[in-house]
Protein backbone atom coordinates (compact mmCIF):
# COMPACT_ATOMS: atom_id res chain seq x y z
CA MET A 1 -6.12 8.53 7.98
CA ILE A 2 -4.67 11.73 6.54
CA GLU A 3 -1.18 10.81 7.78
CA PHE A 4 -1.52 7.36 6.23
CA LYS A 5 -2.46 8.83 2.85
CA TYR A 6 0.40 11.33 3.04
CA GLU A 7 2.97 8.62 3.80
CA LEU A 8 1.47 6.38 1.11
CA ASP A 9 1.86 9.21 -1.41
CA LYS A 10 5.53 9.60 -0.48
CA ILE A 11 6.22 5.88 -0.90
CA LEU A 12 4.44 5.61 -4.25
CA GLU A 13 5.76 8.91 -5.62
CA PRO A 14 8.46 7.35 -7.87
CA LEU A 15 5.87 5.24 -9.72
CA PRO A 16 4.00 6.48 -12.81
CA GLU A 17 0.78 8.39 -12.13
CA THR A 18 -1.29 5.78 -13.95
CA ILE A 19 -0.26 3.20 -11.37
CA THR A 20 -0.26 5.28 -8.19
CA GLY A 21 -3.95 6.19 -8.25
CA THR A 22 -5.06 2.59 -8.55
CA MET A 23 -2.52 1.37 -6.02
CA LYS A 24 -3.44 3.99 -3.42
CA GLY A 25 -7.16 3.39 -3.80
CA SER A 26 -6.84 -0.37 -3.57
CA ILE A 27 -4.48 -0.35 -0.58
CA ILE A 28 -6.64 2.13 1.34
CA ALA A 29 -9.86 0.26 0.56
CA LYS A 30 -8.48 -3.15 1.48
CA ALA A 31 -6.81 -1.90 4.67
CA ASP A 32 -9.89 0.05 5.74
CA LYS A 33 -12.77 -2.19 4.68
CA MET A 34 -11.16 -5.63 4.94
CA ASP A 35 -7.97 -6.03 6.94
CA MET A 36 -4.23 -5.57 6.86
CA ASP A 37 -3.67 -9.08 5.46
CA ALA A 38 -5.84 -8.34 2.42
CA ALA A 39 -3.83 -5.19 1.74
CA MET A 40 -0.57 -7.11 2.12
CA ASP A 41 -1.80 -9.80 -0.27
CA PHE A 42 -2.61 -7.10 -2.81
CA ILE A 43 0.89 -5.64 -2.40
CA ASP A 44 2.39 -9.11 -2.89
CA GLN A 45 0.43 -9.49 -6.14
CA LYS A 46 1.87 -6.20 -7.37
CA VAL A 47 5.39 -7.39 -6.58
CA ASP A 48 4.74 -10.69 -8.39
CA ASP A 49 3.60 -8.89 -11.55
CA LYS A 50 6.58 -6.50 -11.19
CA THR A 51 4.51 -3.35 -10.76
CA ILE A 52 6.46 -2.47 -7.63
CA GLY A 53 9.79 -3.66 -6.24
CA GLU A 54 10.84 -5.39 -3.05
CA GLU A 55 11.95 -2.13 -1.39
CA THR A 56 8.56 -0.53 -2.03
CA ARG A 57 6.82 -3.61 -0.62
CA GLU A 58 8.84 -3.41 2.59
CA GLU A 59 8.05 0.29 2.99
CA LEU A 60 4.34 -0.37 2.42
CA TYR A 61 4.40 -3.23 4.94
CA LYS A 62 5.97 -0.96 7.57
CA LEU A 63 3.37 1.71 6.88
CA LEU A 64 0.48 -0.74 7.17
CA LYS A 65 1.83 -2.27 10.37
CA TYR A 66 2.30 1.18 11.91
CA PHE A 67 -1.17 2.50 11.09
CA CYS A 68 -3.39 -0.59 11.24
CA VAL A 69 -5.21 -1.31 14.48
CA TYR A 70 -5.77 -4.90 15.54
CA ARG A 71 -9.31 -5.56 16.73
């Protein structure tokens, strides 16, 4: 989990601090408590409201796919 948070910090670093805290918390909670699809849906919402760009979405998708475990 520590590696995931570290990589997530690196990806979200260019964004303003007011956005990164909320984004990190929501992505971690959805990926951990719900599932990867819920986290991806949240990321898609952020792209739709132009909080993050397409490149950031792709990086976040790669990160989620790498660290999420299918059960």
